[in-house]
Amino acid sequence: MTIAEQMKSVAAAFRTIDVQTQHVVEQFLYAEAELLDQHRYLEWVELFTEDAHYWIPTRMTRPNRERQYEIAGEDEAAIIDDDKFYLRGRARRYSSGVSWSEEPPSRTRRLITNVRISRREGSAELDVRSNFYVYRSRLERHQDWFVGERFDVLRPADVDATGFPYTIASRKIVLEQTTLLCPSLSIFL
């Protein structure tokens, strides 16, 4: 497929999203980031569906001819590969005060940008791609930052029941870093 054909395909997919949907999805992602920055992990984890998949594949530096192998596949190594059960456990641990890597808790700020949305064919679900920057300050002098792209599948939710218009059915997080220099990855991205 040529670049022009790819651009037409992308443009067609994004034309199906109206301004209202774009706005609601962006506000949902910002509210989610706020829950995390406020350490409201137990509320945050409830944004995920029961069958959710939260995944951070490993990344390796590859030459141009092997770029398709740069990011690990689902059956390969991952930094994190959780379902909702394990996400809930990590959320409890980070909130409890017994997780040495988060006591005292890190200070974080999440920036979400470049939100691109397309509808899944034959489904009410949305494919949402976004870029992120997460800054973490820990103790007196330690600082980390995480940069990358997220690939989310959002399902419509009953806003009256949940308070949110969507739930997260899956999240794939692709970090730009190939080697994490942080002492622990004890935050959610």
N, C-alpha and C. Protein backbone atom coordinates (compact mmCIF):
# COMPACT_ATOMS: atom_id res chain seq x y z
N MET A 1 0.84 -1.17 0.00
CA MET A 1 0.00 0.00 0.00
C MET A 1 0.89 1.24 0.00
N THR A 2 0.60 2.17 -0.88
CA THR A 2 1.40 3.39 -0.96
C THR A 2 1.04 4.31 0.20
N ILE A 3 1.88 5.32 0.40
CA ILE A 3 1.64 6.31 1.46
C ILE A 3 0.31 7.03 1.20
N ALA A 4 0.04 7.38 -0.04
CA ALA A 4 -1.21 8.07 -0.38
C ALA A 4 -2.42 7.20 -0.06
N GLU A 5 -2.34 5.90 -0.35
CA GLU A 5 -3.44 4.99 -0.03
C GLU A 5 -3.61 4.84 1.47
N GLN A 6 -2.50 4.80 2.19
CA GLN A 6 -2.58 4.71 3.65
C GLN A 6 -3.24 5.96 4.23
N MET A 7 -2.88 7.12 3.72
CA MET A 7 -3.45 8.38 4.21
C MET A 7 -4.95 8.44 3.92
N LYS A 8 -5.37 7.96 2.75
CA LYS A 8 -6.80 7.94 2.43
C LYS A 8 -7.54 7.00 3.38
N SER A 9 -6.94 5.86 3.68
CA SER A 9 -7.55 4.90 4.59
C SER A 9 -7.68 5.49 5.99
N VAL A 10 -6.65 6.15 6.46
CA VAL A 10 -6.68 6.79 7.77
C VAL A 10 -7.72 7.90 7.79
N ALA A 11 -7.74 8.71 6.76
CA ALA A 11 -8.70 9.82 6.69
C ALA A 11 -10.13 9.29 6.70
N ALA A 12 -10.40 8.22 5.99
CA ALA A 12 -11.74 7.63 5.95
C ALA A 12 -12.15 7.13 7.33
N ALA A 13 -11.23 6.49 8.04
CA ALA A 13 -11.54 5.97 9.37
C ALA A 13 -11.86 7.09 10.34
N PHE A 14 -11.12 8.19 10.27
CA PHE A 14 -11.33 9.28 11.22
C PHE A 14 -12.50 10.17 10.85
N ARG A 15 -12.96 10.13 9.62
CA ARG A 15 -14.14 10.91 9.23
C ARG A 15 -15.40 10.39 9.91
N THR A 16 -15.39 9.16 10.35
CA THR A 16 -16.59 8.59 10.96
C THR A 16 -16.82 9.09 12.38
N ILE A 17 -15.88 9.79 12.95
CA ILE A 17 -15.99 10.29 14.32
C ILE A 17 -16.44 11.75 14.29
N ASP A 18 -17.54 12.01 14.98
CA ASP A 18 -18.05 13.38 15.03
C ASP A 18 -17.34 14.15 16.15
N VAL A 19 -17.50 15.46 16.12
CA VAL A 19 -16.82 16.34 17.07
C VAL A 19 -17.25 16.02 18.51
N GLN A 20 -18.52 15.71 18.71
CA GLN A 20 -19.01 15.40 20.06
C GLN A 20 -18.33 14.15 20.62
N THR A 21 -18.22 13.10 19.81
CA THR A 21 -17.56 11.87 20.26
C THR A 21 -16.09 12.15 20.57
N GLN A 22 -15.42 12.90 19.71
CA GLN A 22 -14.02 13.26 19.94
C GLN A 22 -13.88 13.96 21.29
N HIS A 23 -14.75 14.91 21.54
CA HIS A 23 -14.69 15.68 22.79
C HIS A 23 -14.93 14.77 24.01
N VAL A 24 -15.96 13.93 23.95
CA VAL A 24 -16.29 13.06 25.07
C VAL A 24 -15.15 12.08 25.37
N VAL A 25 -14.56 11.51 24.33
CA VAL A 25 -13.44 10.58 24.52
C VAL A 25 -12.25 11.31 25.14
N GLU A 26 -11.93 12.48 24.64
CA GLU A 26 -10.81 13.24 25.20
C GLU A 26 -11.06 13.57 26.67
N GLN A 27 -12.26 14.00 27.02
CA GLN A 27 -12.59 14.32 28.41
C GLN A 27 -12.50 13.07 29.29
N PHE A 28 -12.90 11.93 28.76
CA PHE A 28 -12.78 10.67 29.48
C PHE A 28 -11.30 10.38 29.78
N LEU A 29 -10.44 10.51 28.78
CA LEU A 29 -9.01 10.24 28.97
C LEU A 29 -8.39 11.22 29.97
N TYR A 30 -8.82 12.47 29.93
CA TYR A 30 -8.29 13.46 30.88
C TYR A 30 -8.76 13.15 32.31
N ALA A 31 -10.01 12.73 32.45
CA ALA A 31 -10.54 12.37 33.78
C ALA A 31 -9.80 11.15 34.32
N GLU A 32 -9.52 10.19 33.43
CA GLU A 32 -8.76 9.01 33.83
C GLU A 32 -7.37 9.41 34.33
N ALA A 33 -6.69 10.29 33.59
CA ALA A 33 -5.36 10.76 34.00
C ALA A 33 -5.42 11.47 35.35
N GLU A 34 -6.48 12.21 35.58
CA GLU A 34 -6.63 12.91 36.86
C GLU A 34 -6.79 11.93 38.02
N LEU A 35 -7.57 10.86 37.81
CA LEU A 35 -7.70 9.83 38.85
C LEU A 35 -6.33 9.28 39.23
N LEU A 36 -5.49 9.00 38.24
CA LEU A 36 -4.16 8.45 38.50
C LEU A 36 -3.26 9.47 39.20
N ASP A 37 -3.29 10.71 38.73
CA ASP A 37 -2.45 11.74 39.35
C ASP A 37 -2.86 12.03 40.79
N GLN A 38 -4.13 11.76 41.11
CA GLN A 38 -4.62 11.97 42.48
C GLN A 38 -4.52 10.69 43.32
N HIS A 39 -3.88 9.66 42.79
CA HIS A 39 -3.67 8.38 43.50
C HIS A 39 -4.99 7.69 43.85
N ARG A 40 -5.99 7.87 43.01
CA ARG A 40 -7.29 7.24 43.23
C ARG A 40 -7.34 5.95 42.40
N TYR A 41 -6.41 5.04 42.70
CA TYR A 41 -6.20 3.83 41.90
C TYR A 41 -7.38 2.87 41.94
N LEU A 42 -8.02 2.75 43.09
CA LEU A 42 -9.14 1.81 43.20
C LEU A 42 -10.33 2.28 42.36
N GLU A 43 -10.51 3.59 42.25
CA GLU A 43 -11.54 4.12 41.35
C GLU A 43 -11.11 3.94 39.90
N TRP A 44 -9.83 4.18 39.63
CA TRP A 44 -9.31 4.07 38.27
C TRP A 44 -9.48 2.66 37.71
N VAL A 45 -9.16 1.65 38.50
CA VAL A 45 -9.21 0.29 38.00
C VAL A 45 -10.64 -0.11 37.63
N GLU A 46 -11.63 0.54 38.22
CA GLU A 46 -13.02 0.23 37.89
C GLU A 46 -13.42 0.78 36.52
N LEU A 47 -12.56 1.58 35.90
CA LEU A 47 -12.81 2.02 34.51
C LEU A 47 -12.59 0.89 33.51
N PHE A 48 -11.97 -0.19 33.94
CA PHE A 48 -11.67 -1.32 33.05
C PHE A 48 -12.79 -2.34 33.08
N THR A 49 -13.02 -2.98 31.94
CA THR A 49 -14.00 -4.05 31.86
C THR A 49 -13.45 -5.27 32.58
N GLU A 50 -14.33 -6.21 32.91
CA GLU A 50 -13.90 -7.42 33.61
C GLU A 50 -12.94 -8.25 32.76
N ASP A 51 -13.07 -8.18 31.43
CA ASP A 51 -12.20 -8.95 30.54
C ASP A 51 -11.04 -8.11 29.98
N ALA A 52 -10.71 -7.04 30.67
CA ALA A 52 -9.69 -6.10 30.17
C ALA A 52 -8.30 -6.72 30.09
N HIS A 53 -7.50 -6.15 29.20
CA HIS A 53 -6.09 -6.54 29.04
C HIS A 53 -5.27 -5.25 29.07
N TYR A 54 -4.32 -5.17 29.99
CA TYR A 54 -3.44 -4.01 30.17
C TYR A 54 -2.03 -4.52 29.91
N TRP A 55 -1.41 -4.00 28.87
CA TRP A 55 -0.21 -4.63 28.35
C TRP A 55 0.84 -3.60 27.95
N ILE A 56 2.07 -3.80 28.42
CA ILE A 56 3.22 -2.98 28.00
C ILE A 56 4.25 -3.94 27.41
N PRO A 57 4.29 -4.06 26.08
CA PRO A 57 5.27 -4.96 25.47
C PRO A 57 6.68 -4.38 25.57
N THR A 58 7.66 -5.26 25.51
CA THR A 58 9.05 -4.79 25.48
C THR A 58 9.34 -4.20 24.10
N ARG A 59 10.39 -3.43 24.04
CA ARG A 59 10.81 -2.79 22.78
C ARG A 59 12.31 -2.97 22.64
N MET A 60 12.73 -3.27 21.43
CA MET A 60 14.16 -3.42 21.16
C MET A 60 14.55 -2.53 19.99
N THR A 61 15.76 -2.03 20.03
CA THR A 61 16.27 -1.24 18.91
C THR A 61 16.60 -2.18 17.77
N ARG A 62 16.06 -1.89 16.61
CA ARG A 62 16.27 -2.73 15.42
C ARG A 62 16.69 -1.85 14.25
N PRO A 63 17.43 -2.42 13.29
CA PRO A 63 17.76 -1.65 12.08
C PRO A 63 16.48 -1.46 11.24
N ASN A 64 16.54 -0.54 10.30
CA ASN A 64 15.37 -0.23 9.46
C ASN A 64 14.72 -1.46 8.86
N ARG A 65 15.50 -2.38 8.36
CA ARG A 65 14.94 -3.55 7.68
C ARG A 65 14.21 -4.50 8.64
N GLU A 66 14.38 -4.30 9.97
CA GLU A 66 13.73 -5.16 10.96
C GLU A 66 12.80 -4.38 11.89
N ARG A 67 12.36 -3.20 11.48
CA ARG A 67 11.54 -2.36 12.36
C ARG A 67 10.23 -3.03 12.77
N GLN A 68 9.73 -3.94 11.93
CA GLN A 68 8.47 -4.61 12.26
C GLN A 68 8.62 -5.50 13.49
N TYR A 69 9.85 -5.81 13.88
CA TYR A 69 10.11 -6.65 15.06
C TYR A 69 10.50 -5.84 16.29
N GLU A 70 10.43 -4.53 16.20
CA GLU A 70 10.89 -3.66 17.28
C GLU A 70 10.05 -3.82 18.55
N ILE A 71 8.75 -4.01 18.40
CA ILE A 71 7.84 -4.12 19.54
C ILE A 71 7.39 -5.57 19.66
N ALA A 72 7.51 -6.11 20.85
CA ALA A 72 7.16 -7.53 21.07
C ALA A 72 5.69 -7.78 20.79
N GLY A 73 5.40 -8.95 20.29
CA GLY A 73 4.02 -9.37 20.05
C GLY A 73 3.37 -9.87 21.33
N GLU A 74 2.08 -10.16 21.26
CA GLU A 74 1.33 -10.58 22.46
C GLU A 74 1.86 -11.87 23.08
N ASP A 75 2.49 -12.70 22.30
CA ASP A 75 3.01 -13.97 22.83
C ASP A 75 4.50 -13.88 23.18
N GLU A 76 5.02 -12.66 23.23
CA GLU A 76 6.43 -12.45 23.53
C GLU A 76 6.57 -11.70 24.86
N ALA A 77 7.78 -11.30 25.19
CA ALA A 77 8.07 -10.66 26.48
C ALA A 77 7.31 -9.35 26.65
N ALA A 78 6.93 -9.10 27.89
CA ALA A 78 6.22 -7.87 28.22
C ALA A 78 6.74 -7.32 29.55
N ILE A 79 6.70 -6.02 29.69
CA ILE A 79 7.04 -5.38 30.95
C ILE A 79 5.90 -5.61 31.94
N ILE A 80 4.67 -5.43 31.46
CA ILE A 80 3.47 -5.72 32.23
C ILE A 80 2.47 -6.39 31.30
N ASP A 81 1.81 -7.41 31.78
CA ASP A 81 0.79 -8.13 31.01
C ASP A 81 -0.29 -8.55 32.01
N ASP A 82 -1.24 -7.65 32.29
CA ASP A 82 -2.22 -7.85 33.35
C ASP A 82 -3.64 -7.95 32.82
N ASP A 83 -4.47 -8.64 33.56
CA ASP A 83 -5.91 -8.57 33.37
C ASP A 83 -6.46 -7.74 34.54
N LYS A 84 -7.79 -7.61 34.63
CA LYS A 84 -8.34 -6.74 35.68
C LYS A 84 -8.03 -7.27 37.08
N PHE A 85 -8.00 -8.57 37.25
CA PHE A 85 -7.68 -9.15 38.56
C PHE A 85 -6.32 -8.65 39.05
N TYR A 86 -5.30 -8.70 38.20
CA TYR A 86 -3.96 -8.26 38.59
C TYR A 86 -3.87 -6.74 38.70
N LEU A 87 -4.58 -6.02 37.82
CA LEU A 87 -4.62 -4.56 37.94
C LEU A 87 -5.20 -4.15 39.29
N ARG A 88 -6.27 -4.81 39.68
CA ARG A 88 -6.92 -4.51 40.95
C ARG A 88 -5.94 -4.78 42.11
N GLY A 89 -5.19 -5.87 42.03
CA GLY A 89 -4.21 -6.20 43.07
C GLY A 89 -3.12 -5.15 43.17
N ARG A 90 -2.63 -4.70 42.01
CA ARG A 90 -1.60 -3.65 42.03
C ARG A 90 -2.16 -2.35 42.58
N ALA A 91 -3.41 -2.02 42.20
CA ALA A 91 -4.05 -0.80 42.70
C ALA A 91 -4.18 -0.85 44.23
N ARG A 92 -4.57 -2.00 44.76
CA ARG A 92 -4.68 -2.15 46.23
C ARG A 92 -3.32 -2.00 46.89
N ARG A 93 -2.30 -2.63 46.31
CA ARG A 93 -0.96 -2.57 46.89
C ARG A 93 -0.43 -1.14 46.90
N TYR A 94 -0.59 -0.41 45.78
CA TYR A 94 -0.09 0.97 45.71
C TYR A 94 -0.85 1.90 46.66
N SER A 95 -2.11 1.56 46.95
CA SER A 95 -2.94 2.40 47.83
C SER A 95 -2.76 2.06 49.30
N SER A 96 -2.17 0.92 49.60
CA SER A 96 -2.16 0.40 50.97
C SER A 96 -1.09 0.99 51.88
N GLY A 97 -0.02 1.51 51.31
CA GLY A 97 1.09 1.98 52.13
C GLY A 97 2.11 0.89 52.42
N VAL A 98 1.89 -0.33 51.93
CA VAL A 98 2.85 -1.41 52.17
C VAL A 98 3.76 -1.66 50.96
N SER A 99 3.52 -0.99 49.86
CA SER A 99 4.37 -1.13 48.69
C SER A 99 5.58 -0.23 48.87
N TRP A 100 6.75 -0.83 49.15
CA TRP A 100 7.95 -0.02 49.44
C TRP A 100 8.28 0.95 48.33
N SER A 101 7.96 0.60 47.08
CA SER A 101 8.30 1.47 45.96
C SER A 101 7.34 2.65 45.83
N GLU A 102 6.26 2.66 46.60
CA GLU A 102 5.31 3.77 46.57
C GLU A 102 4.98 4.28 47.97
N GLU A 103 5.95 4.17 48.86
CA GLU A 103 5.76 4.71 50.20
C GLU A 103 6.98 5.53 50.56
N PRO A 104 6.94 6.83 50.63
CA PRO A 104 5.78 7.66 50.31
C PRO A 104 5.47 7.63 48.81
N PRO A 105 4.25 7.99 48.43
CA PRO A 105 3.85 7.87 47.03
C PRO A 105 4.59 8.85 46.11
N SER A 106 4.77 8.42 44.88
CA SER A 106 5.34 9.28 43.85
C SER A 106 4.38 10.42 43.54
N ARG A 107 4.93 11.51 43.07
CA ARG A 107 4.13 12.60 42.54
C ARG A 107 4.17 12.47 41.02
N THR A 108 3.01 12.47 40.39
CA THR A 108 2.97 12.26 38.94
C THR A 108 2.13 13.32 38.26
N ARG A 109 2.41 13.50 36.98
CA ARG A 109 1.59 14.35 36.12
C ARG A 109 1.55 13.68 34.76
N ARG A 110 0.33 13.48 34.25
CA ARG A 110 0.13 12.82 32.96
C ARG A 110 -0.40 13.81 31.94
N LEU A 111 0.22 13.81 30.79
CA LEU A 111 -0.24 14.63 29.66
C LEU A 111 -0.66 13.69 28.55
N ILE A 112 -1.88 13.85 28.06
CA ILE A 112 -2.43 13.02 26.99
C ILE A 112 -2.63 13.92 25.78
N THR A 113 -2.10 13.50 24.63
CA THR A 113 -2.19 14.34 23.42
C THR A 113 -2.49 13.49 22.20
N ASN A 114 -2.72 14.17 21.07
CA ASN A 114 -2.87 13.54 19.76
C ASN A 114 -3.86 12.37 19.80
N VAL A 115 -5.05 12.62 20.31
CA VAL A 115 -6.07 11.58 20.42
C VAL A 115 -6.69 11.34 19.04
N ARG A 116 -6.56 10.09 18.57
CA ARG A 116 -7.12 9.69 17.27
C ARG A 116 -8.09 8.55 17.51
N ILE A 117 -9.28 8.67 16.95
CA ILE A 117 -10.36 7.72 17.23
C ILE A 117 -10.90 7.16 15.93
N SER A 118 -11.21 5.87 15.95
CA SER A 118 -11.93 5.25 14.83
C SER A 118 -12.91 4.24 15.41
N ARG A 119 -13.99 4.02 14.70
CA ARG A 119 -15.00 3.05 15.13
C ARG A 119 -14.60 1.66 14.66
N ARG A 120 -14.84 0.68 15.51
CA ARG A 120 -14.63 -0.71 15.10
C ARG A 120 -15.79 -1.12 14.22
N GLU A 121 -15.47 -1.74 13.12
CA GLU A 121 -16.51 -2.15 12.19
C GLU A 121 -17.47 -3.14 12.84
N GLY A 122 -18.78 -2.86 12.72
CA GLY A 122 -19.80 -3.75 13.25
C GLY A 122 -19.88 -3.77 14.77
N SER A 123 -19.38 -2.73 15.42
CA SER A 123 -19.33 -2.71 16.88
C SER A 123 -19.52 -1.28 17.39
N ALA A 124 -19.94 -1.16 18.62
CA ALA A 124 -20.03 0.16 19.25
C ALA A 124 -18.71 0.57 19.89
N GLU A 125 -17.73 -0.34 19.87
CA GLU A 125 -16.43 -0.05 20.47
C GLU A 125 -15.63 0.93 19.61
N LEU A 126 -14.74 1.65 20.30
CA LEU A 126 -13.87 2.62 19.63
C LEU A 126 -12.42 2.21 19.80
N ASP A 127 -11.65 2.36 18.73
CA ASP A 127 -10.20 2.23 18.81
C ASP A 127 -9.65 3.64 19.02
N VAL A 128 -8.90 3.82 20.08
CA VAL A 128 -8.38 5.14 20.42
C VAL A 128 -6.87 5.06 20.57
N ARG A 129 -6.19 5.89 19.81
CA ARG A 129 -4.74 6.01 19.92
C ARG A 129 -4.45 7.37 20.52
N SER A 130 -3.49 7.41 21.43
CA SER A 130 -3.10 8.70 22.01
C SER A 130 -1.62 8.65 22.39
N ASN A 131 -1.02 9.80 22.43
CA ASN A 131 0.35 9.93 22.89
C ASN A 131 0.31 10.37 24.34
N PHE A 132 1.33 10.01 25.11
CA PHE A 132 1.35 10.39 26.51
C PHE A 132 2.76 10.76 26.95
N TYR A 133 2.78 11.56 28.00
CA TYR A 133 4.00 11.91 28.71
C TYR A 133 3.65 11.79 30.19
N VAL A 134 4.36 10.97 30.92
CA VAL A 134 4.13 10.82 32.36
C VAL A 134 5.42 11.22 33.07
N TYR A 135 5.30 12.21 33.93
CA TYR A 135 6.42 12.67 34.75
C TYR A 135 6.21 12.13 36.17
N ARG A 136 7.28 11.59 36.76
CA ARG A 136 7.21 11.10 38.14
C ARG A 136 8.36 11.69 38.93
N SER A 137 8.01 12.24 40.08
CA SER A 137 9.00 12.75 41.03
C SER A 137 8.85 11.91 42.29
N ARG A 138 9.97 11.43 42.77
CA ARG A 138 9.92 10.52 43.92
C ARG A 138 10.93 10.96 44.97
N LEU A 139 10.51 10.89 46.22
CA LEU A 139 11.33 11.32 47.34
C LEU A 139 11.83 12.74 47.10
N GLU A 140 13.09 13.03 47.37
CA GLU A 140 13.56 14.41 47.24
C GLU A 140 14.15 14.75 45.87
N ARG A 141 14.83 13.78 45.25
CA ARG A 141 15.58 14.12 44.05
C ARG A 141 15.34 13.21 42.86
N HIS A 142 14.63 12.13 43.03
CA HIS A 142 14.49 11.18 41.93
C HIS A 142 13.39 11.61 40.96
N GLN A 143 13.71 11.57 39.66
CA GLN A 143 12.74 11.94 38.63
C GLN A 143 12.79 10.92 37.51
N ASP A 144 11.62 10.59 36.98
CA ASP A 144 11.50 9.71 35.82
C ASP A 144 10.49 10.32 34.87
N TRP A 145 10.62 9.98 33.62
CA TRP A 145 9.60 10.33 32.66
C TRP A 145 9.42 9.18 31.69
N PHE A 146 8.18 9.01 31.28
CA PHE A 146 7.79 7.93 30.39
C PHE A 146 7.03 8.56 29.22
N VAL A 147 7.43 8.21 28.02
CA VAL A 147 6.84 8.78 26.82
C VAL A 147 6.46 7.65 25.89
N GLY A 148 5.32 7.77 25.25
CA GLY A 148 4.93 6.73 24.31
C GLY A 148 3.56 6.94 23.72
N GLU A 149 3.02 5.83 23.24
CA GLU A 149 1.72 5.83 22.59
C GLU A 149 0.85 4.74 23.23
N ARG A 150 -0.43 5.06 23.40
CA ARG A 150 -1.37 4.08 23.95
C ARG A 150 -2.37 3.69 22.87
N PHE A 151 -2.74 2.44 22.89
CA PHE A 151 -3.75 1.90 21.98
C PHE A 151 -4.86 1.33 22.85
N ASP A 152 -5.98 2.03 22.91
CA ASP A 152 -7.09 1.62 23.77
C ASP A 152 -8.26 1.14 22.94
N VAL A 153 -9.01 0.22 23.50
CA VAL A 153 -10.33 -0.15 22.98
C VAL A 153 -11.32 0.29 24.05
N LEU A 154 -12.21 1.21 23.69
CA LEU A 154 -13.21 1.72 24.63
C LEU A 154 -14.58 1.16 24.29
N ARG A 155 -15.31 0.76 25.33
CA ARG A 155 -16.69 0.29 25.16
C ARG A 155 -17.63 1.32 25.78
N PRO A 156 -18.75 1.58 25.13
CA PRO A 156 -19.73 2.49 25.74
C PRO A 156 -20.19 1.94 27.08
N ALA A 157 -20.41 2.83 28.04
CA ALA A 157 -20.86 2.45 29.38
C ALA A 157 -22.10 3.26 29.73
N ASP A 158 -22.83 2.81 30.71
CA ASP A 158 -24.00 3.52 31.22
C ASP A 158 -23.50 4.63 32.13
N VAL A 159 -23.48 5.85 31.62
CA VAL A 159 -22.91 6.98 32.36
C VAL A 159 -23.66 7.22 33.66
N ASP A 160 -24.96 6.91 33.71
CA ASP A 160 -25.71 7.10 34.95
C ASP A 160 -25.27 6.10 36.02
N ALA A 161 -24.89 4.91 35.61
CA ALA A 161 -24.47 3.88 36.56
C ALA A 161 -23.01 4.02 36.96
N THR A 162 -22.15 4.37 36.01
CA THR A 162 -20.71 4.39 36.27
C THR A 162 -20.14 5.78 36.48
N GLY A 163 -20.81 6.79 35.97
CA GLY A 163 -20.28 8.15 36.02
C GLY A 163 -19.36 8.45 34.85
N PHE A 164 -19.11 7.45 34.01
CA PHE A 164 -18.23 7.62 32.86
C PHE A 164 -18.91 7.08 31.60
N PRO A 165 -18.64 7.70 30.45
CA PRO A 165 -19.30 7.27 29.21
C PRO A 165 -18.69 6.00 28.60
N TYR A 166 -17.50 5.61 29.05
CA TYR A 166 -16.81 4.46 28.46
C TYR A 166 -16.16 3.62 29.54
N THR A 167 -15.84 2.39 29.18
CA THR A 167 -14.96 1.53 29.95
C THR A 167 -13.81 1.14 29.03
N ILE A 168 -12.70 0.76 29.63
CA ILE A 168 -11.51 0.40 28.86
C ILE A 168 -11.46 -1.13 28.75
N ALA A 169 -11.61 -1.63 27.52
CA ALA A 169 -11.60 -3.07 27.28
C ALA A 169 -10.17 -3.58 27.10
N SER A 170 -9.30 -2.74 26.57
CA SER A 170 -7.89 -3.13 26.47
C SER A 170 -7.04 -1.88 26.33
N ARG A 171 -5.81 -2.01 26.79
CA ARG A 171 -4.84 -0.93 26.65
C ARG A 171 -3.47 -1.54 26.37
N LYS A 172 -2.90 -1.12 25.26
CA LYS A 172 -1.52 -1.48 24.90
C LYS A 172 -0.71 -0.20 25.00
N ILE A 173 0.38 -0.25 25.76
CA ILE A 173 1.22 0.92 25.98
C ILE A 173 2.57 0.65 25.34
N VAL A 174 2.93 1.47 24.38
CA VAL A 174 4.22 1.31 23.69
C VAL A 174 5.12 2.46 24.12
N LEU A 175 6.10 2.13 24.93
CA LEU A 175 7.05 3.13 25.41
C LEU A 175 8.10 3.43 24.35
N GLU A 176 8.56 4.66 24.32
CA GLU A 176 9.65 5.03 23.41
C GLU A 176 10.98 4.49 23.92
N GLN A 177 11.11 4.35 25.23
CA GLN A 177 12.34 3.85 25.83
C GLN A 177 12.47 2.34 25.58
N THR A 178 13.66 1.92 25.24
CA THR A 178 13.92 0.49 25.14
C THR A 178 14.44 -0.05 26.47
N THR A 179 15.08 0.78 27.24
CA THR A 179 15.57 0.40 28.57
C THR A 179 14.99 1.39 29.58
N LEU A 180 14.27 0.87 30.56
CA LEU A 180 13.73 1.74 31.60
C LEU A 180 14.79 1.96 32.66
N LEU A 181 15.13 3.22 32.89
CA LEU A 181 16.17 3.57 33.85
C LEU A 181 15.62 3.82 35.25
N CYS A 182 14.31 3.72 35.41
CA CYS A 182 13.70 3.94 36.71
C CYS A 182 13.96 2.74 37.62
N PRO A 183 14.04 2.96 38.93
CA PRO A 183 14.29 1.85 39.85
C PRO A 183 13.11 0.89 39.95
N SER A 184 11.90 1.39 39.65
CA SER A 184 10.71 0.54 39.66
C SER A 184 9.66 1.17 38.77
N LEU A 185 8.82 0.33 38.19
CA LEU A 185 7.69 0.84 37.42
C LEU A 185 6.45 0.61 38.29
N SER A 186 6.36 1.42 39.33
CA SER A 186 5.31 1.24 40.33
C SER A 186 4.20 2.27 40.16
N ILE A 187 4.00 2.72 38.95
CA ILE A 187 2.89 3.61 38.64
C ILE A 187 2.18 3.04 37.42
N PHE A 188 0.97 3.51 37.19
CA PHE A 188 0.23 3.11 36.00
C PHE A 188 0.44 4.15 34.91
N LEU A 189 0.53 3.68 33.67
CA LEU A 189 0.75 4.61 32.55
C LEU A 189 -0.52 4.81 31.75
